[in-house]
N, C-alpha and C. Protein backbone atom coordinates (compact mmCIF):
# COMPACT_ATOMS: atom_id res chain seq x y z
N MET A 1 0.93 -1.08 -0.13
CA MET A 1 0.04 0.09 -0.11
C MET A 1 0.75 1.27 0.09
N LYS A 2 2.08 0.93 -0.57
CA LYS A 2 3.10 2.21 -0.42
C LYS A 2 2.37 3.18 -1.56
N LYS A 3 2.33 4.72 -1.33
CA LYS A 3 2.17 5.43 -2.22
C LYS A 3 3.13 5.98 -3.18
N ALA A 4 4.35 6.03 -2.90
CA ALA A 4 5.30 6.47 -3.55
C ALA A 4 6.51 5.46 -3.20
N LEU A 5 7.35 4.99 -4.08
CA LEU A 5 8.69 4.51 -3.84
C LEU A 5 9.57 5.44 -2.99
N LEU A 6 10.04 4.87 -2.15
CA LEU A 6 11.00 5.68 -1.18
C LEU A 6 12.19 5.36 -1.41
N LEU A 7 13.08 6.30 -1.52
CA LEU A 7 14.59 6.07 -2.11
C LEU A 7 15.07 5.42 -1.01
N VAL A 8 15.20 4.10 -0.93
CA VAL A 8 15.82 3.33 0.01
C VAL A 8 17.42 3.16 -0.25
N SER A 9 17.83 4.34 -0.31
CA SER A 9 19.24 4.17 -0.48
C SER A 9 20.06 4.55 0.89
N VAL A 10 19.23 3.81 1.72
CA VAL A 10 19.74 3.75 3.19
C VAL A 10 21.13 3.90 3.48
N LEU A 11 21.56 5.03 4.10
CA LEU A 11 23.13 5.29 4.10
C LEU A 11 23.58 4.21 5.45
N PHE A 12 23.54 3.00 5.52
CA PHE A 12 24.29 2.19 6.13
C PHE A 12 25.80 1.92 5.88
N ILE A 13 26.21 3.15 5.28
CA ILE A 13 27.78 3.31 5.17
C ILE A 13 28.53 3.70 6.54
N SER A 14 29.73 3.40 6.18
CA SER A 14 30.40 3.53 7.38
C SER A 14 30.15 4.93 7.93
N VAL A 15 29.98 4.84 9.29
CA VAL A 15 29.90 6.27 10.00
C VAL A 15 31.49 6.62 10.25
N VAL A 16 32.03 7.38 9.45
CA VAL A 16 33.55 7.33 9.17
C VAL A 16 33.62 9.12 9.56
N SER A 17 32.50 10.04 9.47
CA SER A 17 32.64 11.55 9.55
C SER A 17 32.80 11.68 11.14
N THR A 18 32.50 11.00 12.10
CA THR A 18 32.50 11.33 13.10
C THR A 18 33.93 11.00 14.17
N ALA A 19 34.45 11.67 14.66
CA ALA A 19 35.53 11.84 15.60
C ALA A 19 35.08 11.48 17.01
N CYS A 20 34.11 11.28 17.30
CA CYS A 20 33.62 10.95 18.44
C CYS A 20 34.16 9.52 19.30
N ILE A 21 34.20 9.59 20.46
CA ILE A 21 34.87 8.47 21.36
C ILE A 21 33.64 7.03 20.89
N ASN A 22 32.48 7.51 20.73
CA ASN A 22 31.23 6.67 20.72
C ASN A 22 31.18 5.97 19.23
N LYS A 23 32.19 6.39 18.35
CA LYS A 23 32.31 6.03 17.25
C LYS A 23 31.79 4.45 16.70
N PHE A 24 32.41 3.73 17.43
CA PHE A 24 32.11 1.99 17.17
C PHE A 24 30.87 1.93 17.61
N ALA A 25 30.10 2.41 18.85
CA ALA A 25 29.09 1.96 19.33
C ALA A 25 27.92 2.71 18.39
N VAL A 26 28.07 4.00 17.77
CA VAL A 26 27.28 4.33 16.98
C VAL A 26 27.11 3.64 15.59
N GLN A 27 28.52 3.00 15.21
CA GLN A 27 28.31 1.99 14.25
C GLN A 27 27.39 0.91 14.32
N GLU A 28 27.76 0.36 15.36
CA GLU A 28 27.27 -1.07 15.69
C GLU A 28 25.68 -0.69 15.89
N LEU A 29 24.99 0.43 16.34
CA LEU A 29 23.62 0.62 16.39
C LEU A 29 23.30 0.83 15.11
N ASN A 30 23.79 1.53 14.09
CA ASN A 30 23.38 1.54 12.68
C ASN A 30 23.43 0.40 12.16
N ASN A 31 24.32 -0.61 12.47
CA ASN A 31 24.37 -1.96 11.70
C ASN A 31 23.52 -2.68 12.08
N LYS A 32 23.03 -2.63 13.35
CA LYS A 32 21.95 -3.59 14.02
C LYS A 32 20.47 -3.18 13.53
N ALA A 33 20.48 -1.63 13.48
CA ALA A 33 19.12 -0.92 13.06
C ALA A 33 18.99 -1.42 11.43
N LYS A 34 20.19 -1.37 10.50
CA LYS A 34 20.02 -2.06 9.31
C LYS A 34 19.33 -3.29 9.14
N GLY A 35 19.74 -4.20 9.85
CA GLY A 35 19.33 -5.47 10.09
C GLY A 35 17.58 -5.52 10.53
N TYR A 36 17.56 -4.86 11.38
CA TYR A 36 15.96 -4.35 11.85
C TYR A 36 15.08 -3.99 10.39
N ILE A 37 15.58 -3.04 9.77
CA ILE A 37 14.91 -2.66 8.80
C ILE A 37 14.75 -3.74 7.62
N GLU A 38 15.60 -4.26 7.26
CA GLU A 38 15.74 -5.17 6.26
C GLU A 38 14.52 -6.68 6.66
N GLN A 39 14.15 -6.62 8.21
CA GLN A 39 13.48 -7.58 8.21
C GLN A 39 12.23 -7.12 8.64
N GLY A 40 11.87 -5.67 8.52
CA GLY A 40 10.79 -4.89 8.41
C GLY A 40 10.39 -4.78 9.96
N ASP A 41 11.20 -4.76 10.74
CA ASP A 41 11.05 -4.53 12.31
C ASP A 41 11.31 -3.02 12.47
N TYR A 42 10.53 -2.34 12.28
CA TYR A 42 10.96 -0.80 12.29
C TYR A 42 10.90 -0.23 13.78
N GLU A 43 10.16 -0.93 14.50
CA GLU A 43 10.27 -0.41 15.92
C GLU A 43 11.43 -0.61 16.53
N ASN A 44 12.27 -1.55 16.56
CA ASN A 44 13.35 -1.92 16.99
C ASN A 44 14.73 -1.03 16.12
N ALA A 45 14.71 -0.89 14.88
CA ALA A 45 15.42 -0.05 14.10
C ALA A 45 15.37 1.19 14.67
N ILE A 46 14.05 2.01 15.07
CA ILE A 46 14.14 3.03 15.22
C ILE A 46 14.82 3.31 16.88
N GLU A 47 14.48 2.30 17.66
CA GLU A 47 14.83 2.50 18.95
C GLU A 47 16.71 2.46 18.77
N ARG A 48 17.02 1.67 18.04
CA ARG A 48 18.57 1.67 18.00
C ARG A 48 19.06 2.74 17.17
N LEU A 49 18.44 3.35 16.39
CA LEU A 49 18.86 4.74 15.58
C LEU A 49 18.71 5.88 16.76
N LYS A 50 17.73 5.82 17.47
CA LYS A 50 17.50 7.10 18.44
C LYS A 50 18.52 6.82 19.59
N SER A 51 19.07 5.82 19.87
CA SER A 51 20.02 5.56 20.89
C SER A 51 21.60 5.97 20.28
N SER A 52 21.47 5.80 18.81
CA SER A 52 22.83 6.27 18.11
C SER A 52 22.79 7.70 18.19
N VAL A 53 21.58 8.48 17.93
CA VAL A 53 21.34 9.77 17.88
C VAL A 53 22.08 10.43 19.27
N ASP A 54 21.63 9.72 20.50
CA ASP A 54 21.80 9.93 21.94
C ASP A 54 23.39 9.97 22.20
N LEU A 55 23.89 9.06 21.47
CA LEU A 55 25.36 9.15 21.47
C LEU A 55 26.40 9.85 20.71
N ASP A 56 25.70 10.23 19.44
CA ASP A 56 26.47 11.38 18.61
C ASP A 56 25.44 12.02 17.83
N ALA A 57 24.64 12.99 18.04
CA ALA A 57 23.60 13.74 17.06
C ALA A 57 24.36 14.34 16.20
N SER A 58 25.48 14.32 15.75
CA SER A 58 26.04 15.11 14.58
C SER A 58 26.14 14.14 13.51
N VAL A 59 26.02 12.89 13.50
CA VAL A 59 26.15 12.18 12.28
C VAL A 59 24.91 11.75 11.51
N PHE A 60 25.28 12.57 10.30
CA PHE A 60 23.99 12.67 9.38
C PHE A 60 23.45 11.46 9.08
N GLU A 61 24.16 10.43 8.75
CA GLU A 61 23.72 9.03 8.45
C GLU A 61 22.76 8.58 9.38
N THR A 62 23.00 8.48 10.88
CA THR A 62 22.04 8.49 11.61
C THR A 62 20.67 9.08 11.53
N HIS A 63 20.62 10.16 11.34
CA HIS A 63 19.31 10.85 11.34
C HIS A 63 18.67 10.58 9.80
N TYR A 64 19.36 10.48 8.80
CA TYR A 64 18.87 9.83 7.85
C TYR A 64 18.19 8.38 7.70
N ASN A 65 18.97 7.44 8.47
CA ASN A 65 18.56 6.15 8.55
C ASN A 65 17.13 6.43 9.38
N LEU A 66 17.26 6.96 10.65
CA LEU A 66 16.14 7.09 11.43
C LEU A 66 14.79 7.67 10.56
N ALA A 67 15.24 8.64 9.84
CA ALA A 67 14.06 9.03 9.00
C ALA A 67 13.43 7.95 7.91
N VAL A 68 14.33 7.29 7.35
CA VAL A 68 13.90 6.02 6.37
C VAL A 68 12.91 5.02 7.45
N ALA A 69 13.54 4.90 8.64
CA ALA A 69 12.66 3.62 9.65
C ALA A 69 11.45 4.36 9.87
N TYR A 70 11.36 5.69 10.11
CA TYR A 70 10.10 6.15 10.49
C TYR A 70 9.04 6.36 9.32
N THR A 71 9.84 6.44 8.08
CA THR A 71 8.92 6.52 7.00
C THR A 71 8.26 5.26 6.76
N GLN A 72 9.23 4.24 6.94
CA GLN A 72 8.60 2.79 6.63
C GLN A 72 7.64 2.38 7.54
N ALA A 73 7.85 2.97 8.68
CA ALA A 73 6.79 2.58 9.99
C ALA A 73 5.50 3.49 9.65
N GLU A 74 5.43 4.30 8.56
CA GLU A 74 4.27 5.35 8.31
C GLU A 74 4.05 6.26 9.72
N ASP A 75 5.35 6.79 10.28
CA ASP A 75 5.52 7.74 11.19
C ASP A 75 5.94 9.00 10.74
N TYR A 76 5.22 9.61 9.87
CA TYR A 76 5.42 10.66 8.91
C TYR A 76 5.80 12.04 9.67
N GLU A 77 5.17 12.36 11.00
CA GLU A 77 5.84 13.49 11.58
C GLU A 77 7.02 13.23 11.94
N ASN A 78 7.77 12.14 12.37
CA ASN A 78 8.78 12.04 13.18
C ASN A 78 9.92 11.80 11.95
N ALA A 79 9.46 11.41 10.84
CA ALA A 79 9.98 11.08 9.57
C ALA A 79 10.59 12.31 8.85
N ILE A 80 9.66 13.47 8.97
CA ILE A 80 9.90 14.60 8.32
C ILE A 80 10.88 15.57 9.00
N ALA A 81 10.84 15.33 10.47
CA ALA A 81 11.76 15.99 11.56
C ALA A 81 13.14 15.31 11.22
N SER A 82 13.16 13.91 11.28
CA SER A 82 14.41 13.45 11.10
C SER A 82 15.26 13.75 9.81
N PHE A 83 14.42 13.82 8.70
CA PHE A 83 15.02 14.17 7.24
C PHE A 83 15.34 15.84 7.14
N SER A 84 14.85 16.51 8.17
CA SER A 84 14.99 17.94 8.42
C SER A 84 16.44 17.92 8.93
N LYS A 85 16.57 17.35 9.99
CA LYS A 85 17.78 17.16 10.61
C LYS A 85 19.06 16.79 9.92
N ALA A 86 18.55 15.63 9.12
CA ALA A 86 19.83 15.17 8.24
C ALA A 86 19.95 16.45 7.22
N ILE A 87 19.04 16.89 6.68
CA ILE A 87 19.30 18.14 5.60
C ILE A 87 19.95 19.19 6.29
N GLU A 88 19.69 19.26 7.41
CA GLU A 88 20.62 20.46 8.28
C GLU A 88 21.94 20.16 8.34
N LEU A 89 22.31 18.82 8.81
CA LEU A 89 23.79 18.38 8.74
C LEU A 89 24.43 18.25 7.26
N ASN A 90 23.58 17.80 6.36
CA ASN A 90 24.38 17.76 4.99
C ASN A 90 23.38 18.19 3.96
N PRO A 91 23.21 19.61 4.01
CA PRO A 91 22.38 20.26 3.03
C PRO A 91 22.69 19.77 1.37
N ASP A 92 23.81 19.22 1.06
CA ASP A 92 24.03 18.94 -0.18
C ASP A 92 23.64 17.31 -0.64
N PHE A 93 23.02 16.77 0.03
CA PHE A 93 22.99 15.33 -0.19
C PHE A 93 21.53 15.02 -0.83
N ALA A 94 21.26 15.28 -1.97
CA ALA A 94 20.04 15.42 -2.75
C ALA A 94 19.07 14.27 -2.27
N ASP A 95 19.51 12.98 -2.10
CA ASP A 95 18.63 12.02 -1.95
C ASP A 95 17.73 12.23 -0.70
N ALA A 96 18.56 13.01 0.50
CA ALA A 96 17.58 13.30 1.76
C ALA A 96 16.24 14.20 1.07
N TYR A 97 16.55 15.03 0.20
CA TYR A 97 15.38 16.09 -0.02
C TYR A 97 14.13 15.22 -0.84
N TYR A 98 14.74 14.07 -1.80
CA TYR A 98 13.71 13.45 -2.26
C TYR A 98 13.04 12.50 -1.34
N SER A 99 13.65 12.01 -0.51
CA SER A 99 12.99 10.95 0.58
C SER A 99 12.17 12.05 1.61
N LEU A 100 12.68 13.19 1.86
CA LEU A 100 11.48 13.84 2.64
C LEU A 100 10.22 14.21 1.66
N ALA A 101 10.58 14.55 0.58
CA ALA A 101 9.45 14.63 -0.18
C ALA A 101 8.30 13.54 -0.21
N VAL A 102 9.01 12.25 -0.37
CA VAL A 102 8.33 11.20 -0.30
C VAL A 102 7.36 10.99 0.84
N ALA A 103 7.99 11.29 1.89
CA ALA A 103 7.39 11.16 3.30
C ALA A 103 6.28 12.26 3.30
N GLU A 104 6.50 13.62 2.89
CA GLU A 104 5.56 14.48 2.91
C GLU A 104 4.24 13.95 1.96
N GLU A 105 4.48 13.41 1.08
CA GLU A 105 3.51 12.97 -0.15
C GLU A 105 2.83 11.89 0.33
N ASP A 106 3.45 10.67 1.24
CA ASP A 106 2.81 9.70 1.75
C ASP A 106 1.83 10.09 2.84
N PHE A 107 2.24 11.15 3.63
CA PHE A 107 1.63 11.82 4.80
C PHE A 107 0.14 12.34 4.10
N SER A 108 0.28 13.01 3.03
CA SER A 108 -0.71 13.66 2.67
C SER A 108 -1.55 12.69 1.85
N VAL A 109 -1.11 11.45 1.37
CA VAL A 109 -1.98 10.57 0.97
C VAL A 109 -2.78 9.83 1.81
N ASP A 110 -2.23 9.68 3.01
CA ASP A 110 -2.96 8.95 4.02
C ASP A 110 -4.03 9.73 4.75
N LEU A 111 -3.51 11.22 4.67
CA LEU A 111 -4.56 11.95 5.33
C LEU A 111 -5.99 12.17 4.14
N ALA A 112 -5.56 12.53 3.03
CA ALA A 112 -6.70 12.29 1.82
C ALA A 112 -7.57 11.11 1.99
N LYS A 113 -7.12 9.83 2.12
CA LYS A 113 -7.82 8.58 2.23
C LYS A 113 -8.31 8.56 3.39
N GLY A 114 -8.21 9.21 4.58
CA GLY A 114 -8.67 9.07 5.80
C GLY A 114 -8.24 8.05 6.99
N VAL A 115 -7.18 7.54 6.32
CA VAL A 115 -6.46 6.58 7.11
C VAL A 115 -5.91 7.29 8.25
N LEU A 116 -5.42 8.49 8.05
CA LEU A 116 -4.88 9.46 9.49
C LEU A 116 -5.84 10.59 9.42
N THR A 117 -6.19 11.18 10.51
CA THR A 117 -6.69 12.38 10.68
C THR A 117 -6.03 13.16 11.55
N LEU A 118 -6.30 14.28 12.02
CA LEU A 118 -5.80 15.21 12.75
C LEU A 118 -6.23 15.35 14.06
N ASP A 119 -5.77 15.58 15.21
CA ASP A 119 -6.56 15.78 16.82
C ASP A 119 -6.93 17.04 16.47
N GLU A 120 -7.16 17.40 17.75
CA GLU A 120 -7.46 19.08 18.24
C GLU A 120 -6.30 19.88 18.21
N ASN A 121 -5.07 19.19 18.48
CA ASN A 121 -3.83 20.00 18.41
C ASN A 121 -3.01 19.66 17.08
N GLY A 122 -3.46 19.20 16.03
CA GLY A 122 -2.94 18.91 14.65
C GLY A 122 -2.21 17.96 14.55
N LYS A 123 -1.97 17.18 15.82
CA LYS A 123 -1.29 15.88 15.51
C LYS A 123 -2.06 14.75 14.95
N PRO A 124 -1.20 14.01 13.98
CA PRO A 124 -1.82 12.78 13.32
C PRO A 124 -2.32 11.77 14.31
N VAL A 125 -3.33 11.24 13.60
CA VAL A 125 -4.11 10.35 14.61
C VAL A 125 -4.72 8.90 13.62
N LYS A 126 -4.21 7.58 13.83
CA LYS A 126 -4.39 6.68 12.73
C LYS A 126 -6.16 6.53 13.16
N VAL A 127 -6.73 6.35 11.83
CA VAL A 127 -8.15 5.89 11.83
C VAL A 127 -8.17 4.56 12.01
N ASP A 128 -9.00 3.92 13.05
CA ASP A 128 -8.93 2.71 13.14
C ASP A 128 -9.95 2.06 11.96
N GLU A 129 -9.36 0.69 11.44
CA GLU A 129 -9.99 -0.04 10.12
C GLU A 129 -11.52 -0.02 10.23
N GLU A 130 -12.20 -0.22 11.63
CA GLU A 130 -13.62 -0.54 11.75
C GLU A 130 -14.09 0.84 10.99
N THR A 131 -13.65 1.88 11.54
CA THR A 131 -14.33 3.28 11.34
C THR A 131 -14.22 3.47 10.05
N LEU A 132 -13.15 3.30 9.50
CA LEU A 132 -12.83 3.59 8.16
C LEU A 132 -13.74 2.92 7.25
N MET A 133 -13.78 1.35 7.73
CA MET A 133 -14.68 0.71 6.58
C MET A 133 -16.24 1.14 6.59
N LYS A 134 -16.93 1.81 7.65
CA LYS A 134 -18.12 2.23 7.64
C LYS A 134 -18.32 3.37 7.04
N GLN A 135 -17.20 4.13 6.77
CA GLN A 135 -17.48 5.50 5.96
C GLN A 135 -17.85 5.15 4.43
N ASP A 136 -19.11 5.82 4.06
CA ASP A 136 -19.40 5.89 2.52
C ASP A 136 -18.39 6.78 1.95
N LYS A 137 -18.28 7.77 2.53
CA LYS A 137 -17.64 8.86 1.79
C LYS A 137 -16.61 9.87 3.00
N ILE A 138 -15.43 9.78 2.42
CA ILE A 138 -14.63 10.62 3.36
C ILE A 138 -14.65 12.20 3.32
N THR A 139 -15.05 12.81 4.33
CA THR A 139 -15.19 14.24 4.49
C THR A 139 -13.99 14.60 5.35
N LEU A 140 -13.18 15.55 4.66
CA LEU A 140 -12.29 16.15 5.17
C LEU A 140 -12.40 17.63 6.18
N SER A 141 -11.92 17.78 7.19
CA SER A 141 -12.09 18.96 7.72
C SER A 141 -11.24 20.07 7.11
N PRO A 142 -11.50 21.11 7.43
CA PRO A 142 -10.73 22.32 6.97
C PRO A 142 -9.31 21.99 7.36
N GLN A 143 -9.17 21.70 8.66
CA GLN A 143 -7.74 21.56 9.06
C GLN A 143 -6.96 20.52 8.35
N VAL A 144 -7.61 19.53 8.08
CA VAL A 144 -7.22 18.25 7.44
C VAL A 144 -6.53 18.72 5.94
N GLN A 145 -7.47 19.46 5.16
CA GLN A 145 -7.48 19.95 3.91
C GLN A 145 -5.98 21.05 3.59
N ALA A 146 -6.10 21.86 5.01
CA ALA A 146 -4.94 22.75 5.05
C ALA A 146 -3.73 22.12 5.09
N LYS A 147 -3.51 21.05 5.96
CA LYS A 147 -2.27 20.15 6.03
C LYS A 147 -2.00 19.45 5.00
N ILE A 148 -2.98 19.17 3.85
CA ILE A 148 -2.71 18.42 2.93
C ILE A 148 -2.04 19.25 1.84
N ASN A 149 -2.77 20.59 1.89
CA ASN A 149 -2.03 21.55 1.04
C ASN A 149 -0.38 21.98 1.33
N GLU A 150 -0.40 21.86 2.76
CA GLU A 150 1.02 22.37 3.14
C GLU A 150 1.88 21.45 3.09
N LEU A 151 1.46 19.82 3.01
CA LEU A 151 2.18 18.84 2.72
C LEU A 151 2.59 18.68 1.20
N LEU A 152 1.73 19.14 0.45
CA LEU A 152 2.06 18.95 -1.06
C LEU A 152 2.92 19.88 -1.30
N THR A 153 2.67 21.16 -0.78
CA THR A 153 3.53 22.58 -1.22
C THR A 153 5.09 22.16 -0.84
N ASP A 154 5.30 21.39 0.49
CA ASP A 154 6.42 20.98 0.73
C ASP A 154 7.23 19.98 0.01
N ALA A 155 6.19 19.07 -0.47
CA ALA A 155 6.86 17.82 -1.29
C ALA A 155 7.27 18.52 -2.64
N VAL A 156 6.57 19.52 -3.10
CA VAL A 156 7.15 20.02 -4.45
C VAL A 156 8.40 20.61 -4.32
N LYS A 157 8.29 21.40 -3.40
CA LYS A 157 9.76 22.31 -2.81
C LYS A 157 10.65 21.23 -2.75
N ASN A 158 10.69 20.22 -2.06
CA ASN A 158 11.84 19.22 -1.85
C ASN A 158 12.13 18.26 -2.84
N TYR A 159 10.95 18.24 -3.87
CA TYR A 159 11.57 17.49 -5.16
C TYR A 159 12.07 18.38 -6.04
N ASN A 160 11.75 19.59 -5.95
CA ASN A 160 12.64 20.52 -7.03
C ASN A 160 14.02 20.75 -6.27
N LEU A 161 14.31 20.88 -4.76
CA LEU A 161 15.71 21.00 -4.53
C LEU A 161 16.21 19.57 -4.45
N TYR A 162 15.65 18.43 -4.86
CA TYR A 162 16.45 17.09 -5.14
C TYR A 162 16.87 17.25 -6.49
N LEU A 163 15.77 17.88 -7.42
CA LEU A 163 16.54 17.90 -8.60
C LEU A 163 17.55 18.96 -8.93
N GLU A 164 17.61 20.11 -8.42
CA GLU A 164 18.33 21.25 -8.35
C GLU A 164 19.76 20.74 -7.72
N LYS A 165 19.83 19.74 -6.72
CA LYS A 165 21.02 19.62 -5.92
C LYS A 165 21.80 18.23 -6.25
N GLY A 166 20.90 17.36 -7.07
CA GLY A 166 21.55 16.26 -7.57
C GLY A 166 22.47 16.32 -8.93
N SER A 167 23.42 15.85 -8.93
CA SER A 167 24.66 15.92 -9.96
C SER A 167 24.33 14.89 -11.18
N ASP A 168 23.77 13.67 -10.37
CA ASP A 168 23.54 12.47 -11.68
C ASP A 168 22.16 12.03 -11.41
N ILE A 169 21.48 13.12 -11.61
CA ILE A 169 19.78 12.65 -11.55
C ILE A 169 19.65 11.96 -12.83
N GLN A 170 18.98 10.71 -12.60
CA GLN A 170 18.67 9.75 -13.69
C GLN A 170 17.11 9.69 -13.58
N ASP A 171 16.39 10.09 -12.87
CA ASP A 171 14.90 9.93 -12.63
C ASP A 171 14.34 11.23 -12.65
N GLY A 172 14.95 12.53 -13.30
CA GLY A 172 14.46 14.00 -13.58
C GLY A 172 13.27 13.96 -13.89
N ASP A 173 12.81 13.30 -15.10
CA ASP A 173 11.65 13.23 -15.87
C ASP A 173 10.59 12.98 -15.21
N GLU A 174 10.73 11.75 -14.41
CA GLU A 174 9.72 11.13 -13.47
C GLU A 174 9.38 11.99 -12.14
N VAL A 175 10.49 12.93 -11.86
CA VAL A 175 10.16 13.45 -10.41
C VAL A 175 9.42 14.60 -11.02
N LYS A 176 9.81 15.21 -12.35
CA LYS A 176 9.18 16.38 -12.78
C LYS A 176 7.57 16.19 -12.95
N GLU A 177 7.27 14.97 -13.39
CA GLU A 177 5.82 14.19 -13.47
C GLU A 177 5.14 14.47 -12.11
N LYS A 178 5.89 14.00 -11.30
CA LYS A 178 5.56 13.93 -9.98
C LYS A 178 5.02 15.40 -9.32
N ILE A 179 6.06 16.05 -9.50
CA ILE A 179 5.77 17.56 -9.26
C ILE A 179 4.51 18.05 -9.91
N ASP A 180 4.24 17.78 -11.23
CA ASP A 180 3.18 18.46 -12.02
C ASP A 180 1.94 17.82 -11.32
N ARG A 181 2.08 16.56 -10.94
CA ARG A 181 0.96 15.76 -10.42
C ARG A 181 0.30 16.44 -8.99
N LEU A 182 1.63 16.76 -8.03
CA LEU A 182 1.09 17.00 -7.04
C LEU A 182 0.61 18.73 -7.01
N ASN A 183 1.20 19.29 -7.92
CA ASN A 183 0.60 20.65 -7.89
C ASN A 183 -0.95 20.58 -8.36
N GLU A 184 -1.15 19.79 -9.14
CA GLU A 184 -2.28 19.70 -9.76
C GLU A 184 -3.09 19.17 -8.57
N GLU A 185 -2.92 17.89 -7.66
CA GLU A 185 -3.64 17.51 -6.60
C GLU A 185 -3.77 18.96 -5.60
N LYS A 186 -2.87 19.41 -5.43
CA LYS A 186 -2.96 20.75 -4.48
C LYS A 186 -4.16 21.77 -5.10
N ALA A 187 -4.15 21.93 -6.32
CA ALA A 187 -4.96 23.12 -6.99
C ALA A 187 -6.43 22.31 -6.62
N ASN A 188 -6.64 20.96 -6.85
CA ASN A 188 -7.96 20.43 -6.89
C ASN A 188 -8.34 20.44 -5.05
N ASN A 189 -7.49 20.00 -4.26
CA ASN A 189 -7.66 20.10 -2.76
C ASN A 189 -8.36 21.32 -2.53
N SER A 190 -7.67 22.84 -2.96
CA SER A 190 -7.71 24.02 -2.57
C SER A 190 -9.35 24.67 -3.35
N LYS A 191 -9.71 23.74 -4.40
CA LYS A 191 -10.92 23.90 -4.86
C LYS A 191 -12.18 23.50 -3.94
N THR A 192 -11.67 22.22 -3.55
CA THR A 192 -12.50 21.41 -2.81
C THR A 192 -12.76 22.35 -1.26
N SER A 193 -11.67 22.81 -0.73
CA SER A 193 -11.81 23.46 0.18
C SER A 193 -12.18 24.82 0.15
N ASP A 194 -12.29 25.48 -1.03
CA ASP A 194 -12.75 26.65 -1.10
C ASP A 194 -14.47 26.60 -1.31
N VAL A 195 -14.84 25.46 -1.90
CA VAL A 195 -16.28 25.13 -1.86
C VAL A 195 -16.90 24.96 -0.36
N ALA A 196 -16.22 23.89 0.24
CA ALA A 196 -16.45 23.35 1.54
C ALA A 196 -16.30 24.56 2.57
N GLY A 197 -15.36 25.49 2.48
CA GLY A 197 -15.43 26.61 3.44
C GLY A 197 -16.21 27.82 2.93
């Protein structure tokens, strides 16, 4: 049920950029997390990567890997925060922008399908299957429609940054088509919220 293909060029490369005393512990936690991700055990992967961040928060790869694990676990809010931190640490890594855009796009899709909604504080809440099955038609609140527009805007921005920063982009035409599609979805969502509001 994945909405977009996550660029799973998971960076379980050697964590060589750190001069931290905990370098080997960070590497070991990243390696264990890689194994958990390969097994589909995102909860344990996330816990290992969070421990790795606690040891050394300056390692770009750990934040990126944590964001990938959160995205796979469909915890988009934490995925977006972790991708943003990875980008802050390494703003020239084009794939991080692509992966961030995928997380934003997936989040918007789950909101639009009613799989997720927002609570009174704007936090995502999973809608239980029984409630979802009972709904004939999904009615999105203005708050959810606004969040979808925000996510689509951010996804377009990040796909464009991916194209701008990537030196050997081979999927440029495909990404441009995604951008066009997302802009169209955003326009349609705005029309719907104008009619409803």
